[in-house]
Amino acid sequence: MPTTEIDYFPPFSVVKKSLQFKSVHGEVQVSLPYDELVHLVKLMARSVHVDEDWYLAGNSDVVTAIRNGQIRSARQHWIEFGYFEGRLPSQLAVDPDWYLNRYPDVAQALAAGAIESPHSHYLEFGYQEGRLPVSI
């Protein structure tokens, strides 16, 4: 049965068409207009799983927007707005041992009782700070 989600990820040849290349001191540098960057990010965001129930439970404004017909779904909101606002699409697993070893400041905050857990730190601060939840 067909899914309502579109599992489309643009091929690199499509991405390359949006880029401007130049050589600086023998190194290839790439630039692109901001609107193209946003468009490419939205295309790539379509391949990310959005946990509709989890997203709606933590984003009452999205529930209201859906109810008012301003947006169709949590997934659409995350792709169009939520990602750019720094919202998570789903609750990500955090490897607590790896996270504490990778980020000693978090381990210190946990030991001092300033945070509840590595997972709570990631959800509240780590994602916005660009920290990884697991080794990749």
Foldseek 3Di string as FASTA:
>chain_A
DDDPQDQAQDDVVVVVVQWDWDADPNDIDIDGDPVSVLVNQLRRLSNDDAPQVQQCVVCVVVVVCCVVVVDPGSSRCCSNPVVVVLHDRHQDAAPQVVQCVVDVVVVVCVVVVVDDGSSRCCNVPVSVVVHDRDDD
